[in-house]
Amino acid sequence: MNAPAASGDPSATAARDTPSSHPGLLQTPWFAPAVFLATAGGLGRVPFAPGTFGALLGLPLAVVTGAIAERCGGGLAGRGVEAAIIAAICGVGIPICSRAARLMGRKDPGAIVLDEVASMPLALLVVPPEARSPMVLAVAFVLLRIFDIGKPFPCRQLEKLPAGLGIMADDWAAAAWTIACLAIARWQLWL
């Protein structure tokens, strides 16, 4: 196992490792519960753009949380239930990602995609479930990936937080940027 990268090294936090680019990840206990969950059942092991695949997995999760909101009566009550479910997923993701990163021997391994999975339904909270058309989902997906990869303020700063909190928080900030763009687009009737 390789030692975790120093938190002050910008290349360590900016570049996400993949199994093929980091020999230490080949020894990862892939079926340890935390690693299995943090890599979305191994989806994060995809050798190229694992975060993109994680965000794609977040799309059906957003549809499911939206359906739950509608089954709970829709409106503010249903949206509140949806927000609580997403908050629980994000909250549970912190210790899961902390443990997985420790087992994988890196601060923020690229194979951990639970952060991208959880950030997609978070980004879509601004859109009522009945308005989540394929076009809206596609726009949200592209925006979220742009902000997650580009890391505008405060994304890059938040990823420096310790362990799983840093892994998850930068994606929450990317989701906040996506929420702002989607809100403007809906206000302007572009979506």
N, C-alpha and C. Protein backbone atom coordinates (compact mmCIF):
# COMPACT_ATOMS: atom_id res chain seq x y z
N MET A 1 0.83 -1.18 0.00
CA MET A 1 0.00 0.00 0.00
C MET A 1 0.88 1.24 0.00
N ASN A 2 0.50 2.21 -0.74
CA ASN A 2 1.23 3.46 -0.75
C ASN A 2 0.70 4.36 0.34
N ALA A 3 1.55 5.22 0.86
CA ALA A 3 1.13 6.18 1.89
C ALA A 3 0.25 7.24 1.25
N PRO A 4 -0.69 7.79 2.03
CA PRO A 4 -1.53 8.87 1.49
C PRO A 4 -0.68 10.04 1.04
N ALA A 5 -1.12 10.70 0.00
CA ALA A 5 -0.40 11.86 -0.53
C ALA A 5 -0.49 13.01 0.45
N ALA A 6 0.52 13.84 0.47
CA ALA A 6 0.51 15.02 1.34
C ALA A 6 -0.60 15.96 0.90
N SER A 7 -1.33 16.49 1.88
CA SER A 7 -2.48 17.33 1.54
C SER A 7 -2.06 18.65 0.92
N GLY A 8 -0.81 19.08 1.10
CA GLY A 8 -0.37 20.33 0.50
C GLY A 8 0.04 20.20 -0.94
N ASP A 9 0.13 19.00 -1.46
CA ASP A 9 0.56 18.78 -2.83
C ASP A 9 -0.64 18.94 -3.76
N PRO A 10 -0.71 20.03 -4.55
CA PRO A 10 -1.87 20.25 -5.40
C PRO A 10 -2.08 19.15 -6.42
N SER A 11 -1.01 18.54 -6.89
CA SER A 11 -1.19 17.47 -7.88
C SER A 11 -1.82 16.24 -7.25
N ALA A 12 -1.62 16.06 -5.94
CA ALA A 12 -2.20 14.90 -5.27
C ALA A 12 -3.70 15.03 -5.15
N THR A 13 -4.20 16.25 -4.94
CA THR A 13 -5.64 16.41 -4.80
C THR A 13 -6.32 16.70 -6.12
N ALA A 14 -5.60 17.30 -7.06
CA ALA A 14 -6.21 17.64 -8.34
C ALA A 14 -6.31 16.42 -9.23
N ALA A 15 -5.29 15.60 -9.24
CA ALA A 15 -5.29 14.42 -10.11
C ALA A 15 -5.93 13.26 -9.37
N ARG A 16 -6.90 12.62 -9.96
CA ARG A 16 -7.56 11.48 -9.36
C ARG A 16 -6.90 10.23 -9.89
N ASP A 17 -6.59 9.32 -8.99
CA ASP A 17 -5.92 8.09 -9.38
C ASP A 17 -6.91 7.09 -9.95
N THR A 18 -6.45 6.28 -10.85
CA THR A 18 -7.24 5.18 -11.37
C THR A 18 -6.44 3.91 -11.11
N PRO A 19 -7.10 2.75 -11.07
CA PRO A 19 -6.37 1.52 -10.81
C PRO A 19 -5.19 1.31 -11.75
N SER A 20 -5.34 1.69 -13.01
CA SER A 20 -4.26 1.45 -13.96
C SER A 20 -3.11 2.43 -13.81
N SER A 21 -3.36 3.62 -13.22
CA SER A 21 -2.30 4.61 -13.10
C SER A 21 -1.62 4.58 -11.74
N HIS A 22 -2.11 3.76 -10.83
CA HIS A 22 -1.51 3.70 -9.51
C HIS A 22 -1.40 2.24 -9.07
N PRO A 23 -0.19 1.68 -9.09
CA PRO A 23 -0.02 0.26 -8.78
C PRO A 23 -0.56 -0.12 -7.41
N GLY A 24 -0.53 0.79 -6.41
CA GLY A 24 -1.03 0.47 -5.08
C GLY A 24 -2.51 0.12 -5.08
N LEU A 25 -3.27 0.69 -6.02
CA LEU A 25 -4.70 0.40 -6.07
C LEU A 25 -4.97 -1.04 -6.53
N LEU A 26 -4.00 -1.67 -7.15
CA LEU A 26 -4.20 -3.05 -7.58
C LEU A 26 -4.30 -3.99 -6.39
N GLN A 27 -3.80 -3.57 -5.22
CA GLN A 27 -3.85 -4.38 -4.01
C GLN A 27 -5.03 -4.00 -3.12
N THR A 28 -5.90 -3.16 -3.59
CA THR A 28 -7.04 -2.69 -2.82
C THR A 28 -7.99 -3.84 -2.51
N PRO A 29 -8.52 -3.87 -1.27
CA PRO A 29 -9.55 -4.88 -0.93
C PRO A 29 -10.89 -4.46 -1.53
N TRP A 30 -11.09 -4.73 -2.81
CA TRP A 30 -12.26 -4.23 -3.55
C TRP A 30 -13.60 -4.66 -2.97
N PHE A 31 -13.62 -5.79 -2.25
CA PHE A 31 -14.90 -6.26 -1.73
C PHE A 31 -15.08 -5.95 -0.26
N ALA A 32 -14.16 -5.17 0.31
CA ALA A 32 -14.40 -4.65 1.66
C ALA A 32 -15.65 -3.77 1.57
N PRO A 33 -16.56 -3.86 2.54
CA PRO A 33 -17.83 -3.12 2.42
C PRO A 33 -17.67 -1.64 2.08
N ALA A 34 -16.78 -0.93 2.75
CA ALA A 34 -16.62 0.52 2.49
C ALA A 34 -16.11 0.77 1.08
N VAL A 35 -15.15 -0.03 0.63
CA VAL A 35 -14.60 0.15 -0.72
C VAL A 35 -15.66 -0.20 -1.76
N PHE A 36 -16.39 -1.27 -1.52
CA PHE A 36 -17.43 -1.70 -2.46
C PHE A 36 -18.49 -0.61 -2.61
N LEU A 37 -18.92 -0.01 -1.48
CA LEU A 37 -19.92 1.06 -1.54
C LEU A 37 -19.36 2.34 -2.14
N ALA A 38 -18.15 2.71 -1.72
CA ALA A 38 -17.55 3.96 -2.21
C ALA A 38 -17.25 3.92 -3.70
N THR A 39 -17.01 2.72 -4.23
CA THR A 39 -16.74 2.59 -5.67
C THR A 39 -18.02 2.22 -6.44
N ALA A 40 -19.17 2.35 -5.77
CA ALA A 40 -20.47 2.05 -6.38
C ALA A 40 -20.48 0.64 -6.96
N GLY A 41 -20.13 -0.31 -6.10
CA GLY A 41 -20.15 -1.71 -6.53
C GLY A 41 -19.04 -2.05 -7.51
N GLY A 42 -18.00 -1.25 -7.52
CA GLY A 42 -16.88 -1.49 -8.44
C GLY A 42 -16.93 -0.63 -9.69
N LEU A 43 -17.98 0.14 -9.87
CA LEU A 43 -18.09 1.01 -11.05
C LEU A 43 -16.90 1.97 -11.13
N GLY A 44 -16.40 2.39 -10.00
CA GLY A 44 -15.26 3.29 -9.98
C GLY A 44 -13.97 2.68 -10.51
N ARG A 45 -13.98 1.40 -10.73
CA ARG A 45 -12.79 0.73 -11.29
C ARG A 45 -12.68 0.90 -12.80
N VAL A 46 -13.67 1.52 -13.42
CA VAL A 46 -13.59 1.79 -14.86
C VAL A 46 -12.30 2.57 -15.09
N PRO A 47 -11.47 2.16 -16.04
CA PRO A 47 -10.14 2.77 -16.19
C PRO A 47 -10.13 4.19 -16.75
N PHE A 48 -11.24 4.70 -17.24
CA PHE A 48 -11.27 6.06 -17.76
C PHE A 48 -12.53 6.76 -17.25
N ALA A 49 -12.37 8.00 -16.81
CA ALA A 49 -13.47 8.85 -16.36
C ALA A 49 -14.41 8.17 -15.37
N PRO A 50 -13.90 7.59 -14.27
CA PRO A 50 -14.79 6.92 -13.33
C PRO A 50 -15.82 7.87 -12.71
N GLY A 51 -15.45 9.14 -12.50
CA GLY A 51 -16.40 10.10 -11.94
C GLY A 51 -17.58 10.34 -12.85
N THR A 52 -17.35 10.29 -14.15
CA THR A 52 -18.44 10.46 -15.11
C THR A 52 -19.42 9.30 -15.00
N PHE A 53 -18.89 8.09 -14.84
CA PHE A 53 -19.76 6.93 -14.68
C PHE A 53 -20.51 6.99 -13.35
N GLY A 54 -19.85 7.52 -12.31
CA GLY A 54 -20.53 7.69 -11.03
C GLY A 54 -21.68 8.68 -11.14
N ALA A 55 -21.44 9.79 -11.84
CA ALA A 55 -22.50 10.78 -12.02
C ALA A 55 -23.65 10.20 -12.85
N LEU A 56 -23.31 9.38 -13.84
CA LEU A 56 -24.37 8.71 -14.62
C LEU A 56 -25.24 7.83 -13.73
N LEU A 57 -24.60 7.13 -12.80
CA LEU A 57 -25.36 6.29 -11.86
C LEU A 57 -26.24 7.15 -10.95
N GLY A 58 -25.81 8.38 -10.71
CA GLY A 58 -26.62 9.28 -9.90
C GLY A 58 -27.91 9.72 -10.58
N LEU A 59 -27.97 9.66 -11.90
CA LEU A 59 -29.20 10.07 -12.61
C LEU A 59 -30.39 9.20 -12.24
N PRO A 60 -30.30 7.85 -12.32
CA PRO A 60 -31.46 7.06 -11.89
C PRO A 60 -31.77 7.23 -10.40
N LEU A 61 -30.73 7.49 -9.60
CA LEU A 61 -30.98 7.75 -8.18
C LEU A 61 -31.82 9.01 -8.02
N ALA A 62 -31.54 10.04 -8.81
CA ALA A 62 -32.33 11.28 -8.78
C ALA A 62 -33.77 11.03 -9.21
N VAL A 63 -33.96 10.15 -10.18
CA VAL A 63 -35.31 9.81 -10.63
C VAL A 63 -36.05 9.07 -9.51
N VAL A 64 -35.35 8.16 -8.83
CA VAL A 64 -35.97 7.40 -7.74
C VAL A 64 -36.33 8.32 -6.57
N THR A 65 -35.40 9.20 -6.18
CA THR A 65 -35.73 10.10 -5.07
C THR A 65 -36.88 11.04 -5.44
N GLY A 66 -36.94 11.43 -6.71
CA GLY A 66 -38.06 12.25 -7.18
C GLY A 66 -39.37 11.48 -7.13
N ALA A 67 -39.34 10.20 -7.51
CA ALA A 67 -40.55 9.37 -7.45
C ALA A 67 -41.01 9.20 -6.00
N ILE A 68 -40.06 9.05 -5.08
CA ILE A 68 -40.42 8.95 -3.66
C ILE A 68 -41.08 10.25 -3.21
N ALA A 69 -40.54 11.39 -3.65
CA ALA A 69 -41.13 12.68 -3.30
C ALA A 69 -42.57 12.76 -3.80
N GLU A 70 -42.81 12.30 -5.01
CA GLU A 70 -44.17 12.34 -5.55
C GLU A 70 -45.10 11.39 -4.80
N ARG A 71 -44.59 10.22 -4.40
CA ARG A 71 -45.41 9.26 -3.65
C ARG A 71 -45.74 9.79 -2.25
N CYS A 72 -44.92 10.70 -1.77
CA CYS A 72 -45.16 11.31 -0.45
C CYS A 72 -46.05 12.54 -0.57
N GLY A 73 -46.73 12.67 -1.68
CA GLY A 73 -47.68 13.76 -1.86
C GLY A 73 -47.16 14.94 -2.65
N GLY A 74 -45.91 14.88 -3.06
CA GLY A 74 -45.36 15.99 -3.84
C GLY A 74 -45.30 17.25 -3.01
N GLY A 75 -45.25 18.38 -3.67
CA GLY A 75 -45.20 19.66 -2.96
C GLY A 75 -44.02 19.76 -2.02
N LEU A 76 -44.14 20.64 -1.06
CA LEU A 76 -43.05 20.87 -0.11
C LEU A 76 -42.78 19.66 0.77
N ALA A 77 -43.84 18.96 1.18
CA ALA A 77 -43.64 17.78 2.03
C ALA A 77 -42.84 16.71 1.28
N GLY A 78 -43.24 16.43 0.06
CA GLY A 78 -42.52 15.44 -0.74
C GLY A 78 -41.09 15.84 -1.02
N ARG A 79 -40.89 17.12 -1.32
CA ARG A 79 -39.54 17.63 -1.58
C ARG A 79 -38.69 17.56 -0.32
N GLY A 80 -39.34 17.77 0.84
CA GLY A 80 -38.63 17.65 2.11
C GLY A 80 -38.16 16.23 2.37
N VAL A 81 -39.01 15.27 2.04
CA VAL A 81 -38.63 13.86 2.17
C VAL A 81 -37.46 13.55 1.24
N GLU A 82 -37.54 14.04 0.00
CA GLU A 82 -36.47 13.82 -0.95
C GLU A 82 -35.15 14.43 -0.45
N ALA A 83 -35.23 15.64 0.06
CA ALA A 83 -34.03 16.32 0.58
C ALA A 83 -33.44 15.54 1.76
N ALA A 84 -34.31 14.99 2.62
CA ALA A 84 -33.83 14.22 3.77
C ALA A 84 -33.13 12.94 3.32
N ILE A 85 -33.67 12.29 2.30
CA ILE A 85 -33.03 11.07 1.77
C ILE A 85 -31.66 11.39 1.20
N ILE A 86 -31.58 12.46 0.43
CA ILE A 86 -30.31 12.85 -0.19
C ILE A 86 -29.31 13.27 0.89
N ALA A 87 -29.77 14.01 1.90
CA ALA A 87 -28.89 14.41 3.00
C ALA A 87 -28.36 13.18 3.73
N ALA A 88 -29.20 12.17 3.92
CA ALA A 88 -28.76 10.94 4.59
C ALA A 88 -27.70 10.22 3.75
N ILE A 89 -27.92 10.15 2.43
CA ILE A 89 -26.94 9.51 1.55
C ILE A 89 -25.61 10.26 1.63
N CYS A 90 -25.67 11.58 1.57
CA CYS A 90 -24.45 12.40 1.64
C CYS A 90 -23.77 12.24 3.00
N GLY A 91 -24.56 12.24 4.06
CA GLY A 91 -23.99 12.09 5.40
C GLY A 91 -23.32 10.75 5.62
N VAL A 92 -23.98 9.69 5.19
CA VAL A 92 -23.41 8.34 5.32
C VAL A 92 -22.19 8.18 4.42
N GLY A 93 -22.16 8.94 3.32
CA GLY A 93 -21.03 8.86 2.40
C GLY A 93 -19.72 9.31 3.02
N ILE A 94 -19.77 10.20 4.01
CA ILE A 94 -18.53 10.72 4.61
C ILE A 94 -17.73 9.59 5.27
N PRO A 95 -18.31 8.85 6.23
CA PRO A 95 -17.50 7.79 6.84
C PRO A 95 -17.17 6.65 5.87
N ILE A 96 -18.08 6.38 4.93
CA ILE A 96 -17.79 5.33 3.94
C ILE A 96 -16.58 5.71 3.11
N CYS A 97 -16.56 6.94 2.61
CA CYS A 97 -15.43 7.39 1.79
C CYS A 97 -14.15 7.52 2.62
N SER A 98 -14.27 7.91 3.88
CA SER A 98 -13.09 7.98 4.75
C SER A 98 -12.45 6.61 4.89
N ARG A 99 -13.28 5.63 5.20
CA ARG A 99 -12.77 4.26 5.39
C ARG A 99 -12.21 3.71 4.08
N ALA A 100 -12.91 3.91 2.99
CA ALA A 100 -12.44 3.40 1.69
C ALA A 100 -11.11 4.02 1.30
N ALA A 101 -10.98 5.34 1.49
CA ALA A 101 -9.72 6.01 1.14
C ALA A 101 -8.58 5.47 1.98
N ARG A 102 -8.85 5.23 3.26
CA ARG A 102 -7.82 4.66 4.13
C ARG A 102 -7.41 3.27 3.65
N LEU A 103 -8.39 2.45 3.31
CA LEU A 103 -8.09 1.09 2.82
C LEU A 103 -7.35 1.11 1.49
N MET A 104 -7.63 2.13 0.67
CA MET A 104 -7.01 2.23 -0.64
C MET A 104 -5.66 2.94 -0.58
N GLY A 105 -5.34 3.54 0.58
CA GLY A 105 -4.04 4.15 0.77
C GLY A 105 -3.84 5.46 0.04
N ARG A 106 -4.92 6.17 -0.27
CA ARG A 106 -4.84 7.46 -0.98
C ARG A 106 -5.83 8.42 -0.34
N LYS A 107 -5.57 9.74 -0.48
CA LYS A 107 -6.48 10.75 0.07
C LYS A 107 -7.81 10.77 -0.66
N ASP A 108 -7.78 10.73 -1.97
CA ASP A 108 -9.01 10.81 -2.78
C ASP A 108 -8.82 9.97 -4.04
N PRO A 109 -8.90 8.65 -3.90
CA PRO A 109 -8.72 7.79 -5.09
C PRO A 109 -9.81 8.04 -6.12
N GLY A 110 -9.44 8.06 -7.38
CA GLY A 110 -10.40 8.25 -8.45
C GLY A 110 -11.46 7.16 -8.50
N ALA A 111 -11.14 6.00 -7.95
CA ALA A 111 -12.11 4.90 -7.96
C ALA A 111 -13.27 5.16 -7.01
N ILE A 112 -13.12 6.06 -6.07
CA ILE A 112 -14.24 6.42 -5.19
C ILE A 112 -15.16 7.34 -5.98
N VAL A 113 -16.36 6.87 -6.25
CA VAL A 113 -17.33 7.63 -7.04
C VAL A 113 -18.64 7.88 -6.30
N LEU A 114 -18.71 7.47 -5.03
CA LEU A 114 -19.93 7.71 -4.25
C LEU A 114 -20.24 9.20 -4.19
N ASP A 115 -19.20 10.03 -4.19
CA ASP A 115 -19.40 11.48 -4.16
C ASP A 115 -20.14 11.96 -5.40
N GLU A 116 -19.78 11.44 -6.56
CA GLU A 116 -20.48 11.82 -7.81
C GLU A 116 -21.89 11.25 -7.84
N VAL A 117 -22.05 10.02 -7.37
CA VAL A 117 -23.38 9.41 -7.35
C VAL A 117 -24.32 10.26 -6.50
N ALA A 118 -23.87 10.66 -5.31
CA ALA A 118 -24.72 11.41 -4.38
C ALA A 118 -24.95 12.85 -4.83
N SER A 119 -23.99 13.42 -5.56
CA SER A 119 -24.14 14.83 -5.93
C SER A 119 -25.17 15.05 -7.04
N MET A 120 -25.43 14.03 -7.85
CA MET A 120 -26.40 14.22 -8.94
C MET A 120 -27.82 14.46 -8.42
N PRO A 121 -28.35 13.63 -7.52
CA PRO A 121 -29.69 13.95 -7.00
C PRO A 121 -29.71 15.26 -6.22
N LEU A 122 -28.59 15.58 -5.55
CA LEU A 122 -28.49 16.86 -4.85
C LEU A 122 -28.63 18.02 -5.83
N ALA A 123 -27.95 17.93 -6.97
CA ALA A 123 -28.00 18.99 -7.99
C ALA A 123 -29.40 19.14 -8.57
N LEU A 124 -30.17 18.07 -8.58
CA LEU A 124 -31.51 18.12 -9.17
C LEU A 124 -32.61 18.49 -8.18
N LEU A 125 -32.26 18.77 -6.94
CA LEU A 125 -33.28 19.15 -5.96
C LEU A 125 -34.03 20.41 -6.36
N VAL A 126 -33.39 21.28 -7.13
CA VAL A 126 -34.02 22.54 -7.55
C VAL A 126 -35.10 22.31 -8.62
N VAL A 127 -35.09 21.14 -9.23
CA VAL A 127 -36.04 20.83 -10.30
C VAL A 127 -37.13 19.90 -9.74
N PRO A 128 -38.40 20.30 -9.80
CA PRO A 128 -39.46 19.41 -9.33
C PRO A 128 -39.41 18.07 -10.07
N PRO A 129 -39.72 16.98 -9.38
CA PRO A 129 -39.62 15.66 -10.01
C PRO A 129 -40.36 15.56 -11.35
N GLU A 130 -41.52 16.19 -11.46
CA GLU A 130 -42.30 16.09 -12.70
C GLU A 130 -41.66 16.85 -13.85
N ALA A 131 -40.71 17.73 -13.54
CA ALA A 131 -40.04 18.52 -14.58
C ALA A 131 -38.68 17.95 -14.97
N ARG A 132 -38.32 16.80 -14.43
CA ARG A 132 -37.01 16.19 -14.72
C ARG A 132 -37.07 15.38 -16.01
N SER A 133 -37.18 16.11 -17.10
CA SER A 133 -37.24 15.50 -18.43
C SER A 133 -35.85 14.99 -18.81
N PRO A 134 -35.76 14.17 -19.85
CA PRO A 134 -34.43 13.73 -20.31
C PRO A 134 -33.51 14.92 -20.63
N MET A 135 -34.06 16.00 -21.18
CA MET A 135 -33.24 17.18 -21.49
C MET A 135 -32.70 17.81 -20.21
N VAL A 136 -33.54 17.95 -19.20
CA VAL A 136 -33.11 18.55 -17.94
C VAL A 136 -32.05 17.67 -17.28
N LEU A 137 -32.26 16.35 -17.30
CA LEU A 137 -31.28 15.43 -16.72
C LEU A 137 -29.94 15.53 -17.45
N ALA A 138 -29.99 15.64 -18.76
CA ALA A 138 -28.74 15.75 -19.54
C ALA A 138 -28.02 17.05 -19.24
N VAL A 139 -28.76 18.15 -19.16
CA VAL A 139 -28.14 19.44 -18.85
C VAL A 139 -27.53 19.41 -17.45
N ALA A 140 -28.26 18.86 -16.49
CA ALA A 140 -27.75 18.77 -15.11
C ALA A 140 -26.48 17.92 -15.07
N PHE A 141 -26.48 16.82 -15.80
CA PHE A 141 -25.31 15.94 -15.84
C PHE A 141 -24.09 16.68 -16.40
N VAL A 142 -24.25 17.36 -17.51
CA VAL A 142 -23.13 18.07 -18.14
C VAL A 142 -22.64 19.20 -17.22
N LEU A 143 -23.55 19.96 -16.66
CA LEU A 143 -23.15 21.04 -15.75
C LEU A 143 -22.39 20.51 -14.54
N LEU A 144 -22.92 19.45 -13.94
CA LEU A 144 -22.27 18.89 -12.76
C LEU A 144 -20.86 18.40 -13.09
N ARG A 145 -20.69 17.75 -14.24
CA ARG A 145 -19.35 17.27 -14.61
C ARG A 145 -18.41 18.45 -14.87
N ILE A 146 -18.90 19.50 -15.51
CA ILE A 146 -18.07 20.68 -15.76
C ILE A 146 -17.58 21.28 -14.43
N PHE A 147 -18.50 21.44 -13.48
CA PHE A 147 -18.13 22.04 -12.20
C PHE A 147 -17.27 21.10 -11.36
N ASP A 148 -17.52 19.80 -11.44
CA ASP A 148 -16.72 18.85 -10.66
C ASP A 148 -15.28 18.78 -11.21
N ILE A 149 -15.15 18.82 -12.50
CA ILE A 149 -13.81 18.75 -13.12
C ILE A 149 -13.10 20.11 -13.01
N GLY A 150 -13.82 21.20 -13.29
CA GLY A 150 -13.22 22.54 -13.28
C GLY A 150 -12.93 23.07 -11.89
N LYS A 151 -13.67 22.60 -10.90
CA LYS A 151 -13.49 22.96 -9.50
C LYS A 151 -13.46 24.48 -9.24
N PRO A 152 -14.54 25.21 -9.59
CA PRO A 152 -14.58 26.64 -9.25
C PRO A 152 -14.70 26.79 -7.73
N PHE A 153 -14.42 28.00 -7.25
CA PHE A 153 -14.53 28.26 -5.82
C PHE A 153 -15.92 27.89 -5.32
N PRO A 154 -16.05 27.21 -4.24
CA PRO A 154 -15.07 26.73 -3.28
C PRO A 154 -14.74 25.24 -3.44
N CYS A 155 -15.00 24.67 -4.60
CA CYS A 155 -14.79 23.22 -4.79
C CYS A 155 -13.37 22.79 -4.43
N ARG A 156 -12.38 23.43 -5.02
CA ARG A 156 -10.99 23.02 -4.79
C ARG A 156 -10.61 23.18 -3.31
N GLN A 157 -11.11 24.22 -2.67
CA GLN A 157 -10.80 24.44 -1.26
C GLN A 157 -11.46 23.37 -0.39
N LEU A 158 -12.68 22.98 -0.73
CA LEU A 158 -13.40 22.00 0.06
C LEU A 158 -12.79 20.60 -0.05
N GLU A 159 -12.19 20.28 -1.18
CA GLU A 159 -11.61 18.94 -1.31
C GLU A 159 -10.39 18.78 -0.41
N LYS A 160 -9.90 19.86 0.16
CA LYS A 160 -8.76 19.79 1.09
C LYS A 160 -9.21 19.46 2.51
N LEU A 161 -10.51 19.41 2.75
CA LEU A 161 -11.01 19.00 4.06
C LEU A 161 -10.58 17.57 4.33
N PRO A 162 -10.55 17.16 5.59
CA PRO A 162 -10.04 15.83 5.90
C PRO A 162 -10.91 14.69 5.37
N ALA A 163 -10.23 13.66 4.91
CA ALA A 163 -10.80 12.35 4.57
C ALA A 163 -12.08 12.43 3.75
N GLY A 164 -13.10 11.66 4.18
CA GLY A 164 -14.34 11.56 3.43
C GLY A 164 -15.10 12.86 3.29
N LEU A 165 -14.93 13.76 4.26
CA LEU A 165 -15.60 15.06 4.16
C LEU A 165 -15.08 15.82 2.94
N GLY A 166 -13.78 15.81 2.71
CA GLY A 166 -13.20 16.47 1.54
C GLY A 166 -13.61 15.80 0.25
N ILE A 167 -13.68 14.47 0.28
CA ILE A 167 -14.08 13.72 -0.91
C ILE A 167 -15.50 14.11 -1.32
N MET A 168 -16.40 14.20 -0.33
CA MET A 168 -17.80 14.48 -0.62
C MET A 168 -18.06 15.97 -0.84
N ALA A 169 -17.43 16.84 -0.05
CA ALA A 169 -17.79 18.27 -0.02
C ALA A 169 -17.52 18.99 -1.33
N ASP A 170 -16.45 18.64 -2.04
CA ASP A 170 -16.19 19.36 -3.29
C ASP A 170 -17.29 19.06 -4.31
N ASP A 171 -17.86 17.86 -4.24
CA ASP A 171 -18.96 17.52 -5.15
C ASP A 171 -20.26 18.20 -4.72
N TRP A 172 -20.43 18.45 -3.43
CA TRP A 172 -21.60 19.21 -2.98
C TRP A 172 -21.52 20.63 -3.52
N ALA A 173 -20.31 21.19 -3.53
CA ALA A 173 -20.15 22.55 -4.07
C ALA A 173 -20.41 22.56 -5.57
N ALA A 174 -19.94 21.52 -6.28
CA ALA A 174 -20.23 21.42 -7.72
C ALA A 174 -21.74 21.32 -7.93
N ALA A 175 -22.42 20.59 -7.05
CA ALA A 175 -23.88 20.48 -7.13
C ALA A 175 -24.53 21.84 -6.88
N ALA A 176 -23.97 22.64 -5.96
CA ALA A 176 -24.52 23.97 -5.69
C ALA A 176 -24.40 24.87 -6.93
N TRP A 177 -23.26 24.80 -7.61
CA TRP A 177 -23.10 25.55 -8.86
C TRP A 177 -24.13 25.09 -9.90
N THR A 178 -24.33 23.78 -9.97
CA THR A 178 -25.31 23.22 -10.92
C THR A 178 -26.72 23.69 -10.56
N ILE A 179 -27.04 23.69 -9.27
CA ILE A 179 -28.35 24.16 -8.81
C ILE A 179 -28.56 25.60 -9.25
N ALA A 180 -27.55 26.44 -9.07
CA ALA A 180 -27.67 27.86 -9.46
C ALA A 180 -27.95 27.99 -10.95
N CYS A 181 -27.22 27.24 -11.76
CA CYS A 181 -27.42 27.31 -13.22
C CYS A 181 -28.79 26.79 -13.62
N LEU A 182 -29.22 25.67 -13.01
CA LEU A 182 -30.53 25.12 -13.34
C LEU A 182 -31.65 26.07 -12.90
N ALA A 183 -31.47 26.72 -11.74
CA ALA A 183 -32.49 27.67 -11.27
C ALA A 183 -32.61 28.84 -12.23
N ILE A 184 -31.47 29.35 -12.69
CA ILE A 184 -31.50 30.47 -13.67
C ILE A 184 -32.14 30.01 -14.97
N ALA A 185 -31.77 28.82 -15.44
CA ALA A 185 -32.32 28.30 -16.69
C ALA A 185 -33.84 28.11 -16.59
N ARG A 186 -34.32 27.63 -15.44
CA ARG A 186 -35.77 27.45 -15.27
C ARG A 186 -36.46 28.81 -15.14
N TRP A 187 -35.84 29.75 -14.46
CA TRP A 187 -36.41 31.09 -14.30
C TRP A 187 -36.53 31.79 -15.65
N GLN A 188 -35.54 31.58 -16.52
CA GLN A 188 -35.54 32.18 -17.84
C GLN A 188 -36.34 31.36 -18.87
N LEU A 189 -36.92 30.26 -18.41
CA LEU A 189 -37.71 29.35 -19.25
C LEU A 189 -36.88 28.71 -20.36
N TRP A 190 -35.59 28.53 -20.11
CA TRP A 190 -34.74 27.84 -21.07
C TRP A 190 -34.90 26.33 -20.94
N LEU A 191 -35.33 25.87 -19.76
CA LEU A 191 -35.55 24.44 -19.54
C LEU A 191 -36.97 24.23 -19.02
